[in-house]
C-alpha atoms as a PDB file:
ATOM      1  CA  UNK A   1     119.671 121.081 119.977  1.00  0.00           C
ATOM      2  CA  UNK A   2     119.459 117.819 121.913  1.00  0.00           C
ATOM      3  CA  UNK A   3     115.968 116.671 122.914  1.00  0.00           C
ATOM      4  CA  UNK A   4     116.010 114.523 126.045  1.00  0.00           C
ATOM      5  CA  UNK A   5     113.578 111.644 125.642  1.00  0.00           C
ATOM      6  CA  UNK A   6     114.474 109.147 128.341  1.00  0.00           C
ATOM      7  CA  UNK A   7     111.664 109.739 130.783  1.00  0.00           C
ATOM      8  CA  UNK A   8     108.164 109.222 129.584  1.00  0.00           C
ATOM      9  CA  UNK A   9     106.464 110.095 132.925  1.00  0.00           C
ATOM     10  CA  UNK A  10     103.916 107.357 132.191  1.00  0.00           C
ATOM     11  CA  UNK A  11     102.780 108.917 128.927  1.00  0.00           C
ATOM     12  CA  UNK A  12     102.773 106.086 126.466  1.00  0.00           C
ATOM     13  CA  UNK A  13     102.901 108.246 123.350  1.00  0.00           C
ATOM     14  CA  UNK A  14     105.960 110.213 124.399  1.00  0.00           C
ATOM     15  CA  UNK A  15     108.260 110.365 121.304  1.00  0.00           C
ATOM     16  CA  UNK A  16     111.021 108.014 122.361  1.00  0.00           C
ATOM     17  CA  UNK A  17     112.783 105.318 120.301  1.00  0.00           C
ATOM     18  CA  UNK A  18     115.069 102.671 121.771  1.00  0.00           C
ATOM     19  CA  UNK A  19     118.518 102.250 120.428  1.00  0.00           C
ATOM     20  CA  UNK A  20     120.138  98.802 120.043  1.00  0.00           C
ATOM     21  CA  UNK A  21     122.180  97.963 123.169  1.00  0.00           C
ATOM     22  CA  UNK A  22     125.886  97.633 122.501  1.00  0.00           C
ATOM     23  CA  UNK A  23     125.928  94.107 124.035  1.00  0.00           C
ATOM     24  CA  UNK A  24     123.634  92.952 121.245  1.00  0.00           C
ATOM     25  CA  UNK A  25     126.423  93.497 118.704  1.00  0.00           C
ATOM     26  CA  UNK A  26     129.114  90.875 118.132  1.00  0.00           C
ATOM     27  CA  UNK A  27     132.136  91.367 115.776  1.00  0.00           C
ATOM     28  CA  UNK A  28     134.073  88.456 114.406  1.00  0.00           C
ATOM     29  CA  UNK A  29     137.510  89.691 113.492  1.00  0.00           C
ATOM     30  CA  UNK A  30     137.389  92.214 110.653  1.00  0.00           C
ATOM     31  CA  UNK A  31     134.835  90.334 108.489  1.00  0.00           C
ATOM     32  CA  UNK A  32     131.548  89.700 110.209  1.00  0.00           C
ATOM     33  CA  UNK A  33     129.003  91.408 112.437  1.00  0.00           C
ATOM     34  CA  UNK A  34     125.900  89.903 114.059  1.00  0.00           C
ATOM     35  CA  UNK A  35     123.253  92.100 115.724  1.00  0.00           C
ATOM     36  CA  UNK A  36     120.432  90.674 117.867  1.00  0.00           C
ATOM     37  CA  UNK A  37     117.561  93.017 117.129  1.00  0.00           C
ATOM     38  CA  UNK A  38     115.636  93.448 120.470  1.00  0.00           C
ATOM     39  CA  UNK A  39     111.875  93.711 120.745  1.00  0.00           C
ATOM     40  CA  UNK A  40     111.971  97.084 122.552  1.00  0.00           C
ATOM     41  CA  UNK A  41     110.491  98.928 119.556  1.00  0.00           C
ATOM     42  CA  UNK A  42     107.969  96.280 118.552  1.00  0.00           C
ATOM     43  CA  UNK A  43     105.060  98.176 120.065  1.00  0.00           C
ATOM     44  CA  UNK A  44     106.503 101.647 119.682  1.00  0.00           C
ATOM     45  CA  UNK A  45     104.077 103.961 117.980  1.00  0.00           C
ATOM     46  CA  UNK A  46     106.808 106.085 116.569  1.00  0.00           C
ATOM     47  CA  UNK A  47     109.445 103.548 115.381  1.00  0.00           C
ATOM     48  CA  UNK A  48     109.469 102.854 111.600  1.00  0.00           C
ATOM     49  CA  UNK A  49     112.874 101.329 110.720  1.00  0.00           C
ATOM     50  CA  UNK A  50     116.592 101.099 111.412  1.00  0.00           C
ATOM     51  CA  UNK A  51     119.147 103.066 109.418  1.00  0.00           C
ATOM     52  CA  UNK A  52     122.800 102.076 108.937  1.00  0.00           C
ATOM     53  CA  UNK A  53     125.326 104.902 108.365  1.00  0.00           C
ATOM     54  CA  UNK A  54     128.734 104.177 106.992  1.00  0.00           C
ATOM     55  CA  UNK A  55     131.971 105.688 105.673  1.00  0.00           C
ATOM     56  CA  UNK A  56     134.925 104.039 103.863  1.00  0.00           C
ATOM     57  CA  UNK A  57     138.567 104.787 104.939  1.00  0.00           C
ATOM     58  CA  UNK A  58     141.714 104.133 102.922  1.00  0.00           C
ATOM     59  CA  UNK A  59     144.689 102.638 104.839  1.00  0.00           C
ATOM     60  CA  UNK A  60     148.086 101.050 104.585  1.00  0.00           C
ATOM     61  CA  UNK A  61     147.417  98.934 107.662  1.00  0.00           C
ATOM     62  CA  UNK A  62     146.186  95.301 107.689  1.00  0.00           C
ATOM     63  CA  UNK A  63     144.378  94.862 111.058  1.00  0.00           C
ATOM     64  CA  UNK A  64     142.720  91.519 111.645  1.00  0.00           C
ATOM     65  CA  UNK A  65     140.497  92.667 114.540  1.00  0.00           C
ATOM     66  CA  UNK A  66     139.960  96.470 114.557  1.00  0.00           C
ATOM     67  CA  UNK A  67     137.956  97.114 117.757  1.00  0.00           C
ATOM     68  CA  UNK A  68     139.819  99.697 119.831  1.00  0.00           C
ATOM     69  CA  UNK A  69     140.309 103.446 119.494  1.00  0.00           C
ATOM     70  CA  UNK A  70     144.052 102.725 118.974  1.00  0.00           C
ATOM     71  CA  UNK A  71     143.250 100.404 116.114  1.00  0.00           C
ATOM     72  CA  UNK A  72     141.090 103.067 114.472  1.00  0.00           C
ATOM     73  CA  UNK A  73     143.827 105.649 114.766  1.00  0.00           C
ATOM     74  CA  UNK A  74     146.353 103.417 113.133  1.00  0.00           C
ATOM     75  CA  UNK A  75     144.067 102.511 110.264  1.00  0.00           C
ATOM     76  CA  UNK A  76     143.283 106.199 109.469  1.00  0.00           C
ATOM     77  CA  UNK A  77     143.474 109.220 111.795  1.00  0.00           C
ATOM     78  CA  UNK A  78     140.239 110.496 110.193  1.00  0.00           C
ATOM     79  CA  UNK A  79     138.446 107.326 111.256  1.00  0.00           C
ATOM     80  CA  UNK A  80     139.526 107.869 114.797  1.00  0.00           C
ATOM     81  CA  UNK A  81     138.592 111.542 114.755  1.00  0.00           C
ATOM     82  CA  UNK A  82     135.102 110.820 113.297  1.00  0.00           C
ATOM     83  CA  UNK A  83     134.481 108.039 115.821  1.00  0.00           C
ATOM     84  CA  UNK A  84     135.476 110.357 118.646  1.00  0.00           C
ATOM     85  CA  UNK A  85     132.937 112.875 117.397  1.00  0.00           C
ATOM     86  CA  UNK A  86     130.157 110.286 117.424  1.00  0.00           C
ATOM     87  CA  UNK A  87     131.255 108.358 120.523  1.00  0.00           C
ATOM     88  CA  UNK A  88     129.504 110.553 123.146  1.00  0.00           C
ATOM     89  CA  UNK A  89     126.136 109.652 121.639  1.00  0.00           C
ATOM     90  CA  UNK A  90     126.758 105.904 121.424  1.00  0.00           C
ATOM     91  CA  UNK A  91     124.650 103.705 123.653  1.00  0.00           C
ATOM     92  CA  UNK A  92     123.330 106.716 125.536  1.00  0.00           C
ATOM     93  CA  UNK A  93     119.601 105.972 125.632  1.00  0.00           C
ATOM     94  CA  UNK A  94     118.958 109.120 127.624  1.00  0.00           C
ATOM     95  CA  UNK A  95     119.414 111.014 124.386  1.00  0.00           C
ATOM     96  CA  UNK A  96     117.488 110.954 121.218  1.00  0.00           C
ATOM     97  CA  UNK A  97     117.460 113.818 118.808  1.00  0.00           C
ATOM     98  CA  UNK A  98     116.394 114.898 115.418  1.00  0.00           C
ATOM     99  CA  UNK A  99     119.917 116.208 114.989  1.00  0.00           C
ATOM    100  CA  UNK A 100     121.557 112.795 115.042  1.00  0.00           C
ATOM    101  CA  UNK A 101     121.278 112.451 111.282  1.00  0.00           C
ATOM    102  CA  UNK A 102     122.836 115.892 110.738  1.00  0.00           C
ATOM    103  CA  UNK A 103     125.861 114.818 112.779  1.00  0.00           C
ATOM    104  CA  UNK A 104     126.396 111.910 110.384  1.00  0.00           C
ATOM    105  CA  UNK A 105     125.745 114.142 107.400  1.00  0.00           C
ATOM    106  CA  UNK A 106     128.314 116.638 108.612  1.00  0.00           C
ATOM    107  CA  UNK A 107     130.881 113.878 108.871  1.00  0.00           C
ATOM    108  CA  UNK A 108     129.909 112.693 105.381  1.00  0.00           C
ATOM    109  CA  UNK A 109     128.511 109.440 106.554  1.00  0.00           C
ATOM    110  CA  UNK A 110     125.990 107.973 104.107  1.00  0.00           C
ATOM    111  CA  UNK A 111     123.186 105.379 104.394  1.00  0.00           C
ATOM    112  CA  UNK A 112     123.783 101.771 103.407  1.00  0.00           C
ATOM    113  CA  UNK A 113     121.857 100.365 100.440  1.00  0.00           C
ATOM    114  CA  UNK A 114     121.120  96.839  99.213  1.00  0.00           C
ATOM    115  CA  UNK A 115     120.797  95.215  95.845  1.00  0.00           C
ATOM    116  CA  UNK A 116     117.328  94.049  94.800  1.00  0.00           C
ATOM    117  CA  UNK A 117     115.328  95.751  97.473  1.00  0.00           C
ATOM    118  CA  UNK A 118     114.794  98.668  99.853  1.00  0.00           C
ATOM    119  CA  UNK A 119     116.947  98.529 103.013  1.00  0.00           C
ATOM    120  CA  UNK A 120     114.407 100.737 104.735  1.00  0.00           C
ATOM    121  CA  UNK A 121     111.764  98.092 104.135  1.00  0.00           C
ATOM    122  CA  UNK A 122     114.029  95.220 105.093  1.00  0.00           C
ATOM    123  CA  UNK A 123     114.922  96.878 108.371  1.00  0.00           C
ATOM    124  CA  UNK A 124     111.374  98.127 109.143  1.00  0.00           C
ATOM    125  CA  UNK A 125     108.754  97.369 111.722  1.00  0.00           C
ATOM    126  CA  UNK A 126     106.437  95.976 109.031  1.00  0.00           C
ATOM    127  CA  UNK A 127     109.060  93.352 108.184  1.00  0.00           C
ATOM    128  CA  UNK A 128     108.812  91.894 111.764  1.00  0.00           C
ATOM    129  CA  UNK A 129     112.537  92.217 112.412  1.00  0.00           C
ATOM    130  CA  UNK A 130     112.282  92.184 116.151  1.00  0.00           C
ATOM    131  CA  UNK A 131     114.064  89.361 118.042  1.00  0.00           C
ATOM    132  CA  UNK A 132     115.875  88.293 114.903  1.00  0.00           C
ATOM    133  CA  UNK A 133     119.570  88.312 114.043  1.00  0.00           C
ATOM    134  CA  UNK A 134     120.899  90.804 111.571  1.00  0.00           C
ATOM    135  CA  UNK A 135     124.114  89.607 109.883  1.00  0.00           C
ATOM    136  CA  UNK A 136     126.557  91.805 107.968  1.00  0.00           C
ATOM    137  CA  UNK A 137     129.103  89.498 106.362  1.00  0.00           C
ATOM    138  CA  UNK A 138     132.301  90.589 104.536  1.00  0.00           C
ATOM    139  CA  UNK A 139     133.866  87.064 104.646  1.00  0.00           C
ATOM    140  CA  UNK A 140     135.501  86.096 101.412  1.00  0.00           C
ATOM    141  CA  UNK A 141     135.748  82.313 101.361  1.00  0.00           C
ATOM    142  CA  UNK A 142     135.349  81.453  97.653  1.00  0.00           C
ATOM    143  CA  UNK A 143     134.900  83.007  94.239  1.00  0.00           C
ATOM    144  CA  UNK A 144     131.205  82.399  94.553  1.00  0.00           C
ATOM    145  CA  UNK A 145     131.017  84.670  97.604  1.00  0.00           C
ATOM    146  CA  UNK A 146     132.543  87.831  96.315  1.00  0.00           C
ATOM    147  CA  UNK A 147     130.217  90.541  97.509  1.00  0.00           C
ATOM    148  CA  UNK A 148     129.500  91.465 101.161  1.00  0.00           C
ATOM    149  CA  UNK A 149     125.898  90.818 102.111  1.00  0.00           C
ATOM    150  CA  UNK A 150     123.153  91.333 104.758  1.00  0.00           C
ATOM    151  CA  UNK A 151     120.563  88.880 106.082  1.00  0.00           C
ATOM    152  CA  UNK A 152     117.767  89.101 108.620  1.00  0.00           C
ATOM    153  CA  UNK A 153     117.040  85.785 110.443  1.00  0.00           C
ATOM    154  CA  UNK A 154     117.079  82.966 107.888  1.00  0.00           C
ATOM    155  CA  UNK A 155     115.748  85.203 105.206  1.00  0.00           C
ATOM    156  CA  UNK A 156     117.050  86.448 101.812  1.00  0.00           C
ATOM    157  CA  UNK A 157     120.682  87.345 101.307  1.00  0.00           C
ATOM    158  CA  UNK A 158     121.011  90.932 100.006  1.00  0.00           C
ATOM    159  CA  UNK A 159     124.254  92.190  98.502  1.00  0.00           C
ATOM    160  CA  UNK A 160     125.388  95.374 100.221  1.00  0.00           C
ATOM    161  CA  UNK A 161     125.707  98.524  98.134  1.00  0.00           C
ATOM    162  CA  UNK A 162     127.254 101.849  98.730  1.00  0.00           C
ATOM    163  CA  UNK A 163     125.019 104.877  98.926  1.00  0.00           C
ATOM    164  CA  UNK A 164     122.478 104.762  96.129  1.00  0.00           C
ATOM    165  CA  UNK A 165     122.694 108.461  95.362  1.00  0.00           C
ATOM    166  CA  UNK A 166     121.120 111.799  96.058  1.00  0.00           C
ATOM    167  CA  UNK A 167     122.248 115.258  97.085  1.00  0.00           C
ATOM    168  CA  UNK A 168     125.926 115.951  96.454  1.00  0.00           C
ATOM    169  CA  UNK A 169     127.077 112.398  95.877  1.00  0.00           C
ATOM    170  CA  UNK A 170     126.299 109.278  93.832  1.00  0.00           C
ATOM    171  CA  UNK A 171     128.244 106.014  93.733  1.00  0.00           C
ATOM    172  CA  UNK A 172     130.482 105.466  90.754  1.00  0.00           C
ATOM    173  CA  UNK A 173     128.569 102.965  88.622  1.00  0.00           C
ATOM    174  CA  UNK A 174     131.446 100.535  88.162  1.00  0.00           C
ATOM    175  CA  UNK A 175     132.355 100.218  91.864  1.00  0.00           C
ATOM    176  CA  UNK A 176     129.017  99.956  93.748  1.00  0.00           C
ATOM    177  CA  UNK A 177     130.031  97.114  96.113  1.00  0.00           C
ATOM    178  CA  UNK A 178     132.147  97.038  99.219  1.00  0.00           C
ATOM    179  CA  UNK A 179     135.174  95.415  97.475  1.00  0.00           C
ATOM    180  CA  UNK A 180     138.737  96.631  97.832  1.00  0.00           C
ATOM    181  CA  UNK A 181     139.222  97.058  94.101  1.00  0.00           C
ATOM    182  CA  UNK A 182     141.998  98.884  92.281  1.00  0.00           C
ATOM    183  CA  UNK A 183     139.358 101.344  91.086  1.00  0.00           C
ATOM    184  CA  UNK A 184     138.386 102.133  94.636  1.00  0.00           C
ATOM    185  CA  UNK A 185     142.031 102.765  95.604  1.00  0.00           C
ATOM    186  CA  UNK A 186     142.827 104.833  92.570  1.00  0.00           C
ATOM    187  CA  UNK A 187     143.812 108.368  93.628  1.00  0.00           C
ATOM    188  CA  UNK A 188     141.875 109.998  90.864  1.00  0.00           C
ATOM    189  CA  UNK A 189     138.744 108.173  91.787  1.00  0.00           C
ATOM    190  CA  UNK A 190     139.235 109.033  95.470  1.00  0.00           C
ATOM    191  CA  UNK A 191     139.526 112.688  94.676  1.00  0.00           C
ATOM    192  CA  UNK A 192     136.317 112.678  92.688  1.00  0.00           C
ATOM    193  CA  UNK A 193     133.970 113.632  95.555  1.00  0.00           C
ATOM    194  CA  UNK A 194     130.880 113.515  93.404  1.00  0.00           C
ATOM    195  CA  UNK A 195     131.339 109.840  92.668  1.00  0.00           C
ATOM    196  CA  UNK A 196     133.216 108.896  95.821  1.00  0.00           C
ATOM    197  CA  UNK A 197     131.935 111.191  98.575  1.00  0.00           C
ATOM    198  CA  UNK A 198     131.913 108.258 100.976  1.00  0.00           C
ATOM    199  CA  UNK A 199     135.671 107.731 100.931  1.00  0.00           C
ATOM    200  CA  UNK A 200     138.376 109.304 103.172  1.00  0.00           C
ATOM    201  CA  UNK A 201     141.935 109.007 101.864  1.00  0.00           C
ATOM    202  CA  UNK A 202     145.112 108.406 103.854  1.00  0.00           C
ATOM    203  CA  UNK A 203     147.645 110.373 101.933  1.00  0.00           C
ATOM    204  CA  UNK A 204     151.386 109.692 101.850  1.00  0.00           C
ATOM    205  CA  UNK A 205     150.999 105.953 102.304  1.00  0.00           C
ATOM    206  CA  UNK A 206     150.750 102.795 100.156  1.00  0.00           C
ATOM    207  CA  UNK A 207     147.028 102.608  99.548  1.00  0.00           C
ATOM    208  CA  UNK A 208     146.349  98.896  99.860  1.00  0.00           C
ATOM    209  CA  UNK A 209     143.386  98.397 102.247  1.00  0.00           C
ATOM    210  CA  UNK A 210     140.021  99.852 102.756  1.00  0.00           C
ATOM    211  CA  UNK A 211     137.824  99.688 105.878  1.00  0.00           C
ATOM    212  CA  UNK A 212     134.205 100.639 106.463  1.00  0.00           C
ATOM    213  CA  UNK A 213     132.997 102.072 109.743  1.00  0.00           C
ATOM    214  CA  UNK A 214     129.234 101.561 110.494  1.00  0.00           C
ATOM    215  CA  UNK A 215     126.592 102.678 113.000  1.00  0.00           C
ATOM    216  CA  UNK A 216     122.962 101.672 113.345  1.00  0.00           C
ATOM    217  CA  UNK A 217     120.229 104.092 114.421  1.00  0.00           C
ATOM    218  CA  UNK A 218     116.530 103.517 115.124  1.00  0.00           C
ATOM    219  CA  UNK A 219     114.308 105.941 113.217  1.00  0.00           C
ATOM    220  CA  UNK A 220     110.731 107.078 113.472  1.00  0.00           C
ATOM    221  CA  UNK A 221     108.264 109.894 113.058  1.00  0.00           C
ATOM    222  CA  UNK A 222     106.461 112.011 115.648  1.00  0.00           C
ATOM    223  CA  UNK A 223     102.884 111.644 114.322  1.00  0.00           C
ATOM    224  CA  UNK A 224     101.811 114.923 115.867  1.00  0.00           C
ATOM    225  CA  UNK A 225     104.708 117.189 114.892  1.00  0.00           C
ATOM    226  CA  UNK A 226     105.880 115.146 111.860  1.00  0.00           C
ATOM    227  CA  UNK A 227     109.446 115.600 113.096  1.00  0.00           C
ATOM    228  CA  UNK A 228     111.826 112.716 112.170  1.00  0.00           C
ATOM    229  CA  UNK A 229     113.058 111.027 115.304  1.00  0.00           C
ATOM    230  CA  UNK A 230     116.308 109.156 115.889  1.00  0.00           C
ATOM    231  CA  UNK A 231     117.632 107.068 118.695  1.00  0.00           C
ATOM    232  CA  UNK A 232     121.205 107.327 119.929  1.00  0.00           C
ATOM    233  CA  UNK A 233     123.535 105.485 117.559  1.00  0.00           C
ATOM    234  CA  UNK A 234     125.067 102.094 118.193  1.00  0.00           C
ATOM    235  CA  UNK A 235     128.474 101.340 116.842  1.00  0.00           C
ATOM    236  CA  UNK A 236     128.346  98.291 114.583  1.00  0.00           C
ATOM    237  CA  UNK A 237     132.094  98.070 113.997  1.00  0.00           C
ATOM    238  CA  UNK A 238     134.921  98.405 111.502  1.00  0.00           C
ATOM    239  CA  UNK A 239     135.194  95.837 108.722  1.00  0.00           C
ATOM    240  CA  UNK A 240     137.910  95.412 106.103  1.00  0.00           C
ATOM    241  CA  UNK A 241     136.858  95.343 102.486  1.00  0.00           C
ATOM    242  CA  UNK A 242     138.360  92.134 101.115  1.00  0.00           C
ATOM    243  CA  UNK A 243     140.335  91.961  97.968  1.00  0.00           C
ATOM    244  CA  UNK A 244     138.653  90.552  94.845  1.00  0.00           C
ATOM    245  CA  UNK A 245     139.573  87.004  93.775  1.00  0.00           C
END
């Protein structure tokens, strides 16, 4: 059930959380995303942190700038279908619902993790992230830059990790990063849903590329009902996992 939260009627403690406007997201080809975190939630009593949902898609296509629905369909029809399922909620700040997370769960989207820290803490209100730039970088320029990373402002660089585990899926220990490795493309590994529940195959093609599709959602807690709150999602973009050197 969708809970409409757009109109507060002057009541400051109405349980509403702002999503990140789509114009705050900039994609550079298939390798880099920058997000200007607005200050809308800085004084919000309910906001706690941002969550990034992702899913990996196998493809035979090499797309240098995947931004359109047509691009998504060519990369992997499942990517297109999943995006179409989520699209009605994107950037619609008249909607916020405790069921947003269940939509992602039903599509087998998982939450992004980082190495050497808690991503919930890094993307939290207590970390003063407002009016800072969040960078997600998949650029592969040298052997010393082999793992996609995340930064906030001019702060620490955190290597991105696939879902850290829990429920019906854990990441295979030898392929935790967002790297287009032979192990990741191996059919036997793909079919192992316990270790690779975050991957959608594209059967009948030459498996040579992998792409990740990501969305960012503001999260919080209604302090009176203790119900988890979510903003509408914002599409971050589709990035290609680069090959290892």
